[in-house]
mmCIF file of all heavy atoms, coordinates in Angstrom:
data_MODEL
# 
_entry.id   MODEL 
# 
loop_
_atom_site.group_PDB 
_atom_site.id 
_atom_site.type_symbol 
_atom_site.label_atom_id 
_atom_site.label_alt_id 
_atom_site.label_comp_id 
_atom_site.label_asym_id 
_atom_site.label_entity_id 
_atom_site.label_seq_id 
_atom_site.pdbx_PDB_ins_code 
_atom_site.Cartn_x 
_atom_site.Cartn_y 
_atom_site.Cartn_z 
_atom_site.occupancy 
_atom_site.B_iso_or_equiv 
_atom_site.pdbx_formal_charge 
_atom_site.auth_seq_id 
_atom_site.auth_comp_id 
_atom_site.auth_asym_id 
_atom_site.auth_atom_id 
_atom_site.pdbx_PDB_model_num 
ATOM 1   N N   . GLU A 1 1  ? -13.441 -9.529  1.844  1.00 0.00 ? 1  GLU A N   1 
ATOM 2   C CA  . GLU A 1 1  ? -12.584 -9.550  0.667  1.00 0.00 ? 1  GLU A CA  1 
ATOM 3   C C   . GLU A 1 1  ? -11.787 -8.250  0.582  1.00 0.00 ? 1  GLU A C   1 
ATOM 4   O O   . GLU A 1 1  ? -12.358 -7.175  0.371  1.00 0.00 ? 1  GLU A O   1 
ATOM 5   C CB  . GLU A 1 1  ? -13.424 -9.726  -0.597 1.00 0.00 ? 1  GLU A CB  1 
ATOM 6   C CG  . GLU A 1 1  ? -12.571 -9.835  -1.846 1.00 0.00 ? 1  GLU A CG  1 
ATOM 7   C CD  . GLU A 1 1  ? -13.416 -10.110 -3.078 1.00 0.00 ? 1  GLU A CD  1 
ATOM 8   O OE1 . GLU A 1 1  ? -14.649 -10.118 -2.962 1.00 0.00 ? 1  GLU A OE1 1 
ATOM 9   O OE2 . GLU A 1 1  ? -12.828 -10.293 -4.146 1.00 0.00 ? 1  GLU A OE2 1 
ATOM 10  N N   . PRO A 1 2  ? -10.454 -8.295  0.762  1.00 0.00 ? 2  PRO A N   1 
ATOM 11  C CA  . PRO A 1 2  ? -9.666  -7.063  0.735  1.00 0.00 ? 2  PRO A CA  1 
ATOM 12  C C   . PRO A 1 2  ? -9.505  -6.557  -0.692 1.00 0.00 ? 2  PRO A C   1 
ATOM 13  O O   . PRO A 1 2  ? -9.424  -7.334  -1.645 1.00 0.00 ? 2  PRO A O   1 
ATOM 14  C CB  . PRO A 1 2  ? -8.318  -7.492  1.317  1.00 0.00 ? 2  PRO A CB  1 
ATOM 15  C CG  . PRO A 1 2  ? -8.214  -8.945  0.992  1.00 0.00 ? 2  PRO A CG  1 
ATOM 16  C CD  . PRO A 1 2  ? -9.620  -9.483  1.031  1.00 0.00 ? 2  PRO A CD  1 
ATOM 17  N N   . ILE A 1 3  ? -9.464  -5.240  -0.838 1.00 0.00 ? 3  ILE A N   1 
ATOM 18  C CA  . ILE A 1 3  ? -9.258  -4.631  -2.146 1.00 0.00 ? 3  ILE A CA  1 
ATOM 19  C C   . ILE A 1 3  ? -8.078  -3.676  -2.069 1.00 0.00 ? 3  ILE A C   1 
ATOM 20  O O   . ILE A 1 3  ? -7.731  -3.161  -1.008 1.00 0.00 ? 3  ILE A O   1 
ATOM 21  C CB  . ILE A 1 3  ? -10.514 -3.887  -2.650 1.00 0.00 ? 3  ILE A CB  1 
ATOM 22  C CG1 . ILE A 1 3  ? -10.888 -2.758  -1.678 1.00 0.00 ? 3  ILE A CG1 1 
ATOM 23  C CG2 . ILE A 1 3  ? -11.661 -4.848  -2.865 1.00 0.00 ? 3  ILE A CG2 1 
ATOM 24  C CD1 . ILE A 1 3  ? -12.013 -1.876  -2.199 1.00 0.00 ? 3  ILE A CD1 1 
ATOM 25  N N   . MET A 1 4  ? -7.462  -3.452  -3.214 1.00 0.00 ? 4  MET A N   1 
ATOM 26  C CA  . MET A 1 4  ? -6.279  -2.605  -3.297 1.00 0.00 ? 4  MET A CA  1 
ATOM 27  C C   . MET A 1 4  ? -6.658  -1.137  -3.109 1.00 0.00 ? 4  MET A C   1 
ATOM 28  O O   . MET A 1 4  ? -7.534  -0.619  -3.817 1.00 0.00 ? 4  MET A O   1 
ATOM 29  C CB  . MET A 1 4  ? -5.612  -2.801  -4.665 1.00 0.00 ? 4  MET A CB  1 
ATOM 30  C CG  . MET A 1 4  ? -4.326  -2.032  -4.845 1.00 0.00 ? 4  MET A CG  1 
ATOM 31  S SD  . MET A 1 4  ? -3.006  -2.706  -3.818 1.00 0.00 ? 4  MET A SD  1 
ATOM 32  C CE  . MET A 1 4  ? -1.667  -1.602  -4.231 1.00 0.00 ? 4  MET A CE  1 
ATOM 33  N N   . PRO A 1 5  ? -6.034  -0.448  -2.158 1.00 0.00 ? 5  PRO A N   1 
ATOM 34  C CA  . PRO A 1 5  ? -6.329  0.981   -1.979 1.00 0.00 ? 5  PRO A CA  1 
ATOM 35  C C   . PRO A 1 5  ? -5.661  1.819   -3.067 1.00 0.00 ? 5  PRO A C   1 
ATOM 36  O O   . PRO A 1 5  ? -4.747  1.369   -3.753 1.00 0.00 ? 5  PRO A O   1 
ATOM 37  C CB  . PRO A 1 5  ? -5.725  1.288   -0.601 1.00 0.00 ? 5  PRO A CB  1 
ATOM 38  C CG  . PRO A 1 5  ? -4.622  0.299   -0.450 1.00 0.00 ? 5  PRO A CG  1 
ATOM 39  C CD  . PRO A 1 5  ? -5.075  -0.940  -1.155 1.00 0.00 ? 5  PRO A CD  1 
ATOM 40  N N   . SER A 1 6  ? -6.109  3.051   -3.218 1.00 0.00 ? 6  SER A N   1 
ATOM 41  C CA  . SER A 1 6  ? -5.501  3.976   -4.172 1.00 0.00 ? 6  SER A CA  1 
ATOM 42  C C   . SER A 1 6  ? -4.273  4.623   -3.536 1.00 0.00 ? 6  SER A C   1 
ATOM 43  O O   . SER A 1 6  ? -4.360  5.241   -2.469 1.00 0.00 ? 6  SER A O   1 
ATOM 44  C CB  . SER A 1 6  ? -6.511  5.055   -4.582 1.00 0.00 ? 6  SER A CB  1 
ATOM 45  O OG  . SER A 1 6  ? -5.890  5.998   -5.430 1.00 0.00 ? 6  SER A OG  1 
ATOM 46  N N   . LEU A 1 7  ? -3.126  4.497   -4.197 1.00 0.00 ? 7  LEU A N   1 
ATOM 47  C CA  . LEU A 1 7  ? -1.861  4.995   -3.652 1.00 0.00 ? 7  LEU A CA  1 
ATOM 48  C C   . LEU A 1 7  ? -1.234  6.079   -4.519 1.00 0.00 ? 7  LEU A C   1 
ATOM 49  O O   . LEU A 1 7  ? -0.201  6.644   -4.137 1.00 0.00 ? 7  LEU A O   1 
ATOM 50  C CB  . LEU A 1 7  ? -0.866  3.837   -3.511 1.00 0.00 ? 7  LEU A CB  1 
ATOM 51  C CG  . LEU A 1 7  ? -1.356  2.602   -2.744 1.00 0.00 ? 7  LEU A CG  1 
ATOM 52  C CD1 . LEU A 1 7  ? -0.271  1.527   -2.751 1.00 0.00 ? 7  LEU A CD1 1 
ATOM 53  C CD2 . LEU A 1 7  ? -1.740  2.965   -1.327 1.00 0.00 ? 7  LEU A CD2 1 
ATOM 54  N N   . ILE A 1 8  ? -1.849  6.393   -5.655 1.00 0.00 ? 8  ILE A N   1 
ATOM 55  C CA  . ILE A 1 8  ? -1.271  7.361   -6.584 1.00 0.00 ? 8  ILE A CA  1 
ATOM 56  C C   . ILE A 1 8  ? -1.151  8.727   -5.900 1.00 0.00 ? 8  ILE A C   1 
ATOM 57  O O   . ILE A 1 8  ? -2.094  9.220   -5.280 1.00 0.00 ? 8  ILE A O   1 
ATOM 58  C CB  . ILE A 1 8  ? -2.123  7.490   -7.861 1.00 0.00 ? 8  ILE A CB  1 
ATOM 59  C CG1 . ILE A 1 8  ? -2.286  6.116   -8.526 1.00 0.00 ? 8  ILE A CG1 1 
ATOM 60  C CG2 . ILE A 1 8  ? -1.494  8.493   -8.822 1.00 0.00 ? 8  ILE A CG2 1 
ATOM 61  C CD1 . ILE A 1 8  ? -0.999  5.488   -8.957 1.00 0.00 ? 8  ILE A CD1 1 
ATOM 62  N N   . GLY A 1 9  ? 0.044   9.321   -6.020 1.00 0.00 ? 9  GLY A N   1 
ATOM 63  C CA  . GLY A 1 9  ? 0.278   10.640  -5.452 1.00 0.00 ? 9  GLY A CA  1 
ATOM 64  C C   . GLY A 1 9  ? 0.842   10.632  -4.047 1.00 0.00 ? 9  GLY A C   1 
ATOM 65  O O   . GLY A 1 9  ? 1.278   11.667  -3.540 1.00 0.00 ? 9  GLY A O   1 
ATOM 66  N N   . LEU A 1 10 ? 0.835   9.459   -3.387 1.00 0.00 ? 10 LEU A N   1 
ATOM 67  C CA  . LEU A 1 10 ? 1.332   9.378   -2.020 1.00 0.00 ? 10 LEU A CA  1 
ATOM 68  C C   . LEU A 1 10 ? 2.848   9.210   -2.006 1.00 0.00 ? 10 LEU A C   1 
ATOM 69  O O   . LEU A 1 10 ? 3.450   8.766   -2.976 1.00 0.00 ? 10 LEU A O   1 
ATOM 70  C CB  . LEU A 1 10 ? 0.694   8.203   -1.278 1.00 0.00 ? 10 LEU A CB  1 
ATOM 71  C CG  . LEU A 1 10 ? -0.827  8.212   -1.099 1.00 0.00 ? 10 LEU A CG  1 
ATOM 72  C CD1 . LEU A 1 10 ? -1.265  6.982   -0.311 1.00 0.00 ? 10 LEU A CD1 1 
ATOM 73  C CD2 . LEU A 1 10 ? -1.298  9.481   -0.415 1.00 0.00 ? 10 LEU A CD2 1 
ATOM 74  N N   . SER A 1 11 ? 3.456   9.577   -0.891 1.00 0.00 ? 11 SER A N   1 
ATOM 75  C CA  . SER A 1 11 ? 4.863   9.266   -0.683 1.00 0.00 ? 11 SER A CA  1 
ATOM 76  C C   . SER A 1 11 ? 4.989   7.772   -0.444 1.00 0.00 ? 11 SER A C   1 
ATOM 77  O O   . SER A 1 11 ? 3.999   7.084   -0.158 1.00 0.00 ? 11 SER A O   1 
ATOM 78  C CB  . SER A 1 11 ? 5.414   10.030  0.521  1.00 0.00 ? 11 SER A CB  1 
ATOM 79  O OG  . SER A 1 11 ? 4.779   9.591   1.711  1.00 0.00 ? 11 SER A OG  1 
ATOM 80  N N   . LEU A 1 12 ? 6.211   7.251   -0.545 1.00 0.00 ? 12 LEU A N   1 
ATOM 81  C CA  . LEU A 1 12 ? 6.416   5.822   -0.324 1.00 0.00 ? 12 LEU A CA  1 
ATOM 82  C C   . LEU A 1 12 ? 5.998   5.423   1.078  1.00 0.00 ? 12 LEU A C   1 
ATOM 83  O O   . LEU A 1 12 ? 5.335   4.401   1.277  1.00 0.00 ? 12 LEU A O   1 
ATOM 84  C CB  . LEU A 1 12 ? 7.883   5.465   -0.556 1.00 0.00 ? 12 LEU A CB  1 
ATOM 85  C CG  . LEU A 1 12 ? 8.264   4.011   -0.255 1.00 0.00 ? 12 LEU A CG  1 
ATOM 86  C CD1 . LEU A 1 12 ? 7.484   3.053   -1.141 1.00 0.00 ? 12 LEU A CD1 1 
ATOM 87  C CD2 . LEU A 1 12 ? 9.760   3.798   -0.420 1.00 0.00 ? 12 LEU A CD2 1 
ATOM 88  N N   . ARG A 1 13 ? 6.365   6.242   2.073  1.00 0.00 ? 13 ARG A N   1 
ATOM 89  C CA  . ARG A 1 13 ? 6.036   5.911   3.454  1.00 0.00 ? 13 ARG A CA  1 
ATOM 90  C C   . ARG A 1 13 ? 4.522   5.792   3.650  1.00 0.00 ? 13 ARG A C   1 
ATOM 91  O O   . ARG A 1 13 ? 4.023   4.823   4.229  1.00 0.00 ? 13 ARG A O   1 
ATOM 92  C CB  . ARG A 1 13 ? 6.604   6.972   4.396  1.00 0.00 ? 13 ARG A CB  1 
ATOM 93  C CG  . ARG A 1 13 ? 6.439   6.638   5.864  1.00 0.00 ? 13 ARG A CG  1 
ATOM 94  C CD  . ARG A 1 13 ? 6.687   7.851   6.731  1.00 0.00 ? 13 ARG A CD  1 
ATOM 95  N NE  . ARG A 1 13 ? 7.991   8.440   6.499  1.00 0.00 ? 13 ARG A NE  1 
ATOM 96  C CZ  . ARG A 1 13 ? 9.073   8.138   7.193  1.00 0.00 ? 13 ARG A CZ  1 
ATOM 97  N NH1 . ARG A 1 13 ? 8.996   7.264   8.153  1.00 0.00 ? 13 ARG A NH1 1 
ATOM 98  N NH2 . ARG A 1 13 ? 10.219  8.726   6.938  1.00 0.00 ? 13 ARG A NH2 1 
ATOM 99  N N   . LYS A 1 14 ? 3.768   6.763   3.146  1.00 0.00 ? 14 LYS A N   1 
ATOM 100 C CA  . LYS A 1 14 ? 2.321   6.723   3.327  1.00 0.00 ? 14 LYS A CA  1 
ATOM 101 C C   . LYS A 1 14 ? 1.691   5.594   2.518  1.00 0.00 ? 14 LYS A C   1 
ATOM 102 O O   . LYS A 1 14 ? 0.701   4.986   2.944  1.00 0.00 ? 14 LYS A O   1 
ATOM 103 C CB  . LYS A 1 14 ? 1.724   8.069   2.959  1.00 0.00 ? 14 LYS A CB  1 
ATOM 104 C CG  . LYS A 1 14 ? 2.080   9.169   3.957  1.00 0.00 ? 14 LYS A CG  1 
ATOM 105 C CD  . LYS A 1 14 ? 1.401   10.480  3.626  1.00 0.00 ? 14 LYS A CD  1 
ATOM 106 C CE  . LYS A 1 14 ? 1.742   11.529  4.690  1.00 0.00 ? 14 LYS A CE  1 
ATOM 107 N NZ  . LYS A 1 14 ? 1.122   12.837  4.400  1.00 0.00 ? 14 LYS A NZ  1 
ATOM 108 N N   . GLY A 1 15 ? 2.272   5.315   1.354  1.00 0.00 ? 15 GLY A N   1 
ATOM 109 C CA  . GLY A 1 15 ? 1.756   4.190   0.575  1.00 0.00 ? 15 GLY A CA  1 
ATOM 110 C C   . GLY A 1 15 ? 1.934   2.867   1.296  1.00 0.00 ? 15 GLY A C   1 
ATOM 111 O O   . GLY A 1 15 ? 1.023   2.027   1.324  1.00 0.00 ? 15 GLY A O   1 
ATOM 112 N N   . LEU A 1 16 ? 3.105   2.668   1.906  1.00 0.00 ? 16 LEU A N   1 
ATOM 113 C CA  . LEU A 1 16 ? 3.346   1.438   2.654  1.00 0.00 ? 16 LEU A CA  1 
ATOM 114 C C   . LEU A 1 16 ? 2.471   1.357   3.891  1.00 0.00 ? 16 LEU A C   1 
ATOM 115 O O   . LEU A 1 16 ? 2.076   0.264   4.312  1.00 0.00 ? 16 LEU A O   1 
ATOM 116 C CB  . LEU A 1 16 ? 4.819   1.346   3.031  1.00 0.00 ? 16 LEU A CB  1 
ATOM 117 C CG  . LEU A 1 16 ? 5.795   1.155   1.861  1.00 0.00 ? 16 LEU A CG  1 
ATOM 118 C CD1 . LEU A 1 16 ? 7.228   1.162   2.355  1.00 0.00 ? 16 LEU A CD1 1 
ATOM 119 C CD2 . LEU A 1 16 ? 5.494   -0.122  1.107  1.00 0.00 ? 16 LEU A CD2 1 
ATOM 120 N N   . GLN A 1 17 ? 2.165   2.515   4.498  1.00 0.00 ? 17 GLN A N   1 
ATOM 121 C CA  . GLN A 1 17 ? 1.229   2.504   5.625  1.00 0.00 ? 17 GLN A CA  1 
ATOM 122 C C   . GLN A 1 17 ? -0.125  1.959   5.194  1.00 0.00 ? 17 GLN A C   1 
ATOM 123 O O   . GLN A 1 17 ? -0.780  1.221   5.941  1.00 0.00 ? 17 GLN A O   1 
ATOM 124 C CB  . GLN A 1 17 ? 1.071   3.923   6.182  1.00 0.00 ? 17 GLN A CB  1 
ATOM 125 C CG  . GLN A 1 17 ? 2.259   4.429   6.979  1.00 0.00 ? 17 GLN A CG  1 
ATOM 126 C CD  . GLN A 1 17 ? 2.068   5.857   7.436  1.00 0.00 ? 17 GLN A CD  1 
ATOM 127 O OE1 . GLN A 1 17 ? 1.260   6.603   6.875  1.00 0.00 ? 17 GLN A OE1 1 
ATOM 128 N NE2 . GLN A 1 17 ? 2.807   6.271   8.441  1.00 0.00 ? 17 GLN A NE2 1 
ATOM 129 N N   . GLN A 1 18 ? -0.562  2.308   3.974  1.00 0.00 ? 18 GLN A N   1 
ATOM 130 C CA  . GLN A 1 18 ? -1.880  1.897   3.493  1.00 0.00 ? 18 GLN A CA  1 
ATOM 131 C C   . GLN A 1 18 ? -1.962  0.395   3.242  1.00 0.00 ? 18 GLN A C   1 
ATOM 132 O O   . GLN A 1 18 ? -3.003  -0.224  3.484  1.00 0.00 ? 18 GLN A O   1 
ATOM 133 C CB  . GLN A 1 18 ? -2.215  2.657   2.202  1.00 0.00 ? 18 GLN A CB  1 
ATOM 134 C CG  . GLN A 1 18 ? -2.418  4.146   2.388  1.00 0.00 ? 18 GLN A CG  1 
ATOM 135 C CD  . GLN A 1 18 ? -3.726  4.461   3.073  1.00 0.00 ? 18 GLN A CD  1 
ATOM 136 O OE1 . GLN A 1 18 ? -4.717  3.778   2.866  1.00 0.00 ? 18 GLN A OE1 1 
ATOM 137 N NE2 . GLN A 1 18 ? -3.732  5.484   3.906  1.00 0.00 ? 18 GLN A NE2 1 
ATOM 138 N N   . ILE A 1 19 ? -0.876  -0.207  2.740  1.00 0.00 ? 19 ILE A N   1 
ATOM 139 C CA  . ILE A 1 19 ? -0.973  -1.614  2.323  1.00 0.00 ? 19 ILE A CA  1 
ATOM 140 C C   . ILE A 1 19 ? -0.314  -2.576  3.307  1.00 0.00 ? 19 ILE A C   1 
ATOM 141 O O   . ILE A 1 19 ? -0.370  -3.788  3.101  1.00 0.00 ? 19 ILE A O   1 
ATOM 142 C CB  . ILE A 1 19 ? -0.353  -1.816  0.919  1.00 0.00 ? 19 ILE A CB  1 
ATOM 143 C CG1 . ILE A 1 19 ? 1.131   -1.431  0.926  1.00 0.00 ? 19 ILE A CG1 1 
ATOM 144 C CG2 . ILE A 1 19 ? -1.106  -1.024  -0.122 1.00 0.00 ? 19 ILE A CG2 1 
ATOM 145 C CD1 . ILE A 1 19 ? 1.809   -1.708  -0.398 1.00 0.00 ? 19 ILE A CD1 1 
ATOM 146 N N   . SER A 1 20 ? 0.318   -2.056  4.382  1.00 0.00 ? 20 SER A N   1 
ATOM 147 C CA  . SER A 1 20 ? 1.021   -2.959  5.290  1.00 0.00 ? 20 SER A CA  1 
ATOM 148 C C   . SER A 1 20 ? 0.076   -3.944  5.968  1.00 0.00 ? 20 SER A C   1 
ATOM 149 O O   . SER A 1 20 ? 0.468   -5.052  6.323  1.00 0.00 ? 20 SER A O   1 
ATOM 150 C CB  . SER A 1 20 ? 1.773   -2.148  6.361  1.00 0.00 ? 20 SER A CB  1 
ATOM 151 O OG  . SER A 1 20 ? 0.869   -1.387  7.145  1.00 0.00 ? 20 SER A OG  1 
ATOM 152 N N   . ARG A 1 21 ? -1.173  -3.571  6.132  1.00 0.00 ? 21 ARG A N   1 
ATOM 153 C CA  . ARG A 1 21 ? -2.127  -4.462  6.831  1.00 0.00 ? 21 ARG A CA  1 
ATOM 154 C C   . ARG A 1 21 ? -2.469  -5.711  6.027  1.00 0.00 ? 21 ARG A C   1 
ATOM 155 O O   . ARG A 1 21 ? -2.980  -6.681  6.574  1.00 0.00 ? 21 ARG A O   1 
ATOM 156 C CB  . ARG A 1 21 ? -3.416  -3.693  7.148  1.00 0.00 ? 21 ARG A CB  1 
ATOM 157 C CG  . ARG A 1 21 ? -4.210  -3.284  5.928  1.00 0.00 ? 21 ARG A CG  1 
ATOM 158 C CD  . ARG A 1 21 ? -5.540  -2.649  6.324  1.00 0.00 ? 21 ARG A CD  1 
ATOM 159 N NE  . ARG A 1 21 ? -5.323  -1.423  7.041  1.00 0.00 ? 21 ARG A NE  1 
ATOM 160 C CZ  . ARG A 1 21 ? -5.298  -0.216  6.452  1.00 0.00 ? 21 ARG A CZ  1 
ATOM 161 N NH1 . ARG A 1 21 ? -5.433  -0.127  5.132  1.00 0.00 ? 21 ARG A NH1 1 
ATOM 162 N NH2 . ARG A 1 21 ? -5.116  0.870   7.143  1.00 0.00 ? 21 ARG A NH2 1 
ATOM 163 N N   . TYR A 1 22 ? -2.173  -5.712  4.698  1.00 0.00 ? 22 TYR A N   1 
ATOM 164 C CA  . TYR A 1 22 ? -2.564  -6.845  3.861  1.00 0.00 ? 22 TYR A CA  1 
ATOM 165 C C   . TYR A 1 22 ? -1.485  -7.918  3.782  1.00 0.00 ? 22 TYR A C   1 
ATOM 166 O O   . TYR A 1 22 ? -1.701  -8.961  3.176  1.00 0.00 ? 22 TYR A O   1 
ATOM 167 C CB  . TYR A 1 22 ? -2.919  -6.346  2.454  1.00 0.00 ? 22 TYR A CB  1 
ATOM 168 C CG  . TYR A 1 22 ? -4.061  -5.369  2.450  1.00 0.00 ? 22 TYR A CG  1 
ATOM 169 C CD1 . TYR A 1 22 ? -3.854  -4.045  2.085  1.00 0.00 ? 22 TYR A CD1 1 
ATOM 170 C CD2 . TYR A 1 22 ? -5.336  -5.751  2.845  1.00 0.00 ? 22 TYR A CD2 1 
ATOM 171 C CE1 . TYR A 1 22 ? -4.889  -3.128  2.097  1.00 0.00 ? 22 TYR A CE1 1 
ATOM 172 C CE2 . TYR A 1 22 ? -6.387  -4.847  2.869  1.00 0.00 ? 22 TYR A CE2 1 
ATOM 173 C CZ  . TYR A 1 22 ? -6.155  -3.525  2.497  1.00 0.00 ? 22 TYR A CZ  1 
ATOM 174 O OH  . TYR A 1 22 ? -7.185  -2.620  2.531  1.00 0.00 ? 22 TYR A OH  1 
ATOM 175 N N   . ASN A 1 23 ? -0.313  -7.675  4.367  1.00 0.00 ? 23 ASN A N   1 
ATOM 176 C CA  . ASN A 1 23 ? 0.738   -8.688  4.444  1.00 0.00 ? 23 ASN A CA  1 
ATOM 177 C C   . ASN A 1 23 ? 1.117   -9.235  3.072  1.00 0.00 ? 23 ASN A C   1 
ATOM 178 O O   . ASN A 1 23 ? 1.231   -10.449 2.863  1.00 0.00 ? 23 ASN A O   1 
ATOM 179 C CB  . ASN A 1 23 ? 0.303   -9.835  5.369  1.00 0.00 ? 23 ASN A CB  1 
ATOM 180 C CG  . ASN A 1 23 ? 1.491   -10.661 5.841  1.00 0.00 ? 23 ASN A CG  1 
ATOM 181 O OD1 . ASN A 1 23 ? 2.604   -10.161 5.893  1.00 0.00 ? 23 ASN A OD1 1 
ATOM 182 N ND2 . ASN A 1 23 ? 1.250   -11.908 6.164  1.00 0.00 ? 23 ASN A ND2 1 
ATOM 183 N N   . ILE A 1 24 ? 1.314   -8.321  2.106  1.00 0.00 ? 24 ILE A N   1 
ATOM 184 C CA  . ILE A 1 24 ? 1.777   -8.733  0.786  1.00 0.00 ? 24 ILE A CA  1 
ATOM 185 C C   . ILE A 1 24 ? 3.145   -8.098  0.528  1.00 0.00 ? 24 ILE A C   1 
ATOM 186 O O   . ILE A 1 24 ? 3.481   -7.066  1.109  1.00 0.00 ? 24 ILE A O   1 
ATOM 187 C CB  . ILE A 1 24 ? 0.784   -8.329  -0.333 1.00 0.00 ? 24 ILE A CB  1 
ATOM 188 C CG1 . ILE A 1 24 ? 0.555   -6.810  -0.307 1.00 0.00 ? 24 ILE A CG1 1 
ATOM 189 C CG2 . ILE A 1 24 ? -0.517  -9.081  -0.197 1.00 0.00 ? 24 ILE A CG2 1 
ATOM 190 C CD1 . ILE A 1 24 ? -0.361  -6.324  -1.415 1.00 0.00 ? 24 ILE A CD1 1 
ATOM 191 N N   . LYS A 1 25 ? 3.925   -8.721  -0.350 1.00 0.00 ? 25 LYS A N   1 
ATOM 192 C CA  . LYS A 1 25 ? 5.245   -8.200  -0.671 1.00 0.00 ? 25 LYS A CA  1 
ATOM 193 C C   . LYS A 1 25 ? 5.109   -6.981  -1.576 1.00 0.00 ? 25 LYS A C   1 
ATOM 194 O O   . LYS A 1 25 ? 4.148   -6.860  -2.346 1.00 0.00 ? 25 LYS A O   1 
ATOM 195 C CB  . LYS A 1 25 ? 6.081   -9.270  -1.362 1.00 0.00 ? 25 LYS A CB  1 
ATOM 196 C CG  . LYS A 1 25 ? 6.395   -10.472 -0.488 1.00 0.00 ? 25 LYS A CG  1 
ATOM 197 C CD  . LYS A 1 25 ? 7.170   -11.515 -1.242 1.00 0.00 ? 25 LYS A CD  1 
ATOM 198 C CE  . LYS A 1 25 ? 8.500   -10.991 -1.734 1.00 0.00 ? 25 LYS A CE  1 
ATOM 199 N NZ  . LYS A 1 25 ? 9.295   -12.047 -2.402 1.00 0.00 ? 25 LYS A NZ  1 
ATOM 200 N N   . VAL A 1 26 ? 6.092   -6.087  -1.474 1.00 0.00 ? 26 VAL A N   1 
ATOM 201 C CA  . VAL A 1 26 ? 6.057   -4.856  -2.260 1.00 0.00 ? 26 VAL A CA  1 
ATOM 202 C C   . VAL A 1 26 ? 7.342   -4.749  -3.069 1.00 0.00 ? 26 VAL A C   1 
ATOM 203 O O   . VAL A 1 26 ? 8.436   -4.913  -2.530 1.00 0.00 ? 26 VAL A O   1 
ATOM 204 C CB  . VAL A 1 26 ? 5.906   -3.615  -1.350 1.00 0.00 ? 26 VAL A CB  1 
ATOM 205 C CG1 . VAL A 1 26 ? 5.861   -2.352  -2.194 1.00 0.00 ? 26 VAL A CG1 1 
ATOM 206 C CG2 . VAL A 1 26 ? 4.653   -3.734  -0.496 1.00 0.00 ? 26 VAL A CG2 1 
ATOM 207 N N   . ARG A 1 27 ? 7.208   -4.499  -4.348 1.00 0.00 ? 27 ARG A N   1 
ATOM 208 C CA  . ARG A 1 27 ? 8.360   -4.245  -5.220 1.00 0.00 ? 27 ARG A CA  1 
ATOM 209 C C   . ARG A 1 27 ? 8.337   -2.766  -5.598 1.00 0.00 ? 27 ARG A C   1 
ATOM 210 O O   . ARG A 1 27 ? 7.307   -2.248  -6.054 1.00 0.00 ? 27 ARG A O   1 
ATOM 211 C CB  . ARG A 1 27 ? 8.303   -5.128  -6.467 1.00 0.00 ? 27 ARG A CB  1 
ATOM 212 C CG  . ARG A 1 27 ? 9.510   -4.940  -7.386 1.00 0.00 ? 27 ARG A CG  1 
ATOM 213 C CD  . ARG A 1 27 ? 9.419   -5.808  -8.626 1.00 0.00 ? 27 ARG A CD  1 
ATOM 214 N NE  . ARG A 1 27 ? 9.461   -7.216  -8.276 1.00 0.00 ? 27 ARG A NE  1 
ATOM 215 C CZ  . ARG A 1 27 ? 8.553   -8.107  -8.639 1.00 0.00 ? 27 ARG A CZ  1 
ATOM 216 N NH1 . ARG A 1 27 ? 7.505   -7.728  -9.360 1.00 0.00 ? 27 ARG A NH1 1 
ATOM 217 N NH2 . ARG A 1 27 ? 8.657   -9.372  -8.297 1.00 0.00 ? 27 ARG A NH2 1 
ATOM 218 N N   . ILE A 1 28 ? 9.457   -2.079  -5.414 1.00 0.00 ? 28 ILE A N   1 
ATOM 219 C CA  . ILE A 1 28 ? 9.518   -0.633  -5.603 1.00 0.00 ? 28 ILE A CA  1 
ATOM 220 C C   . ILE A 1 28 ? 10.464  -0.307  -6.757 1.00 0.00 ? 28 ILE A C   1 
ATOM 221 O O   . ILE A 1 28 ? 11.573  -0.839  -6.829 1.00 0.00 ? 28 ILE A O   1 
ATOM 222 C CB  . ILE A 1 28 ? 9.993   0.071   -4.322 1.00 0.00 ? 28 ILE A CB  1 
ATOM 223 C CG1 . ILE A 1 28 ? 9.020   -0.232  -3.170 1.00 0.00 ? 28 ILE A CG1 1 
ATOM 224 C CG2 . ILE A 1 28 ? 10.120  1.577   -4.516 1.00 0.00 ? 28 ILE A CG2 1 
ATOM 225 C CD1 . ILE A 1 28 ? 9.565   0.154   -1.827 1.00 0.00 ? 28 ILE A CD1 1 
# 
């Protein structure tokens, strides 16, 4: 069961690196 990682404080690039494996859409 995948869970949402903590992205607070990260740059956009590093945040997208964290969630890209879950194959979900991102709204910025």
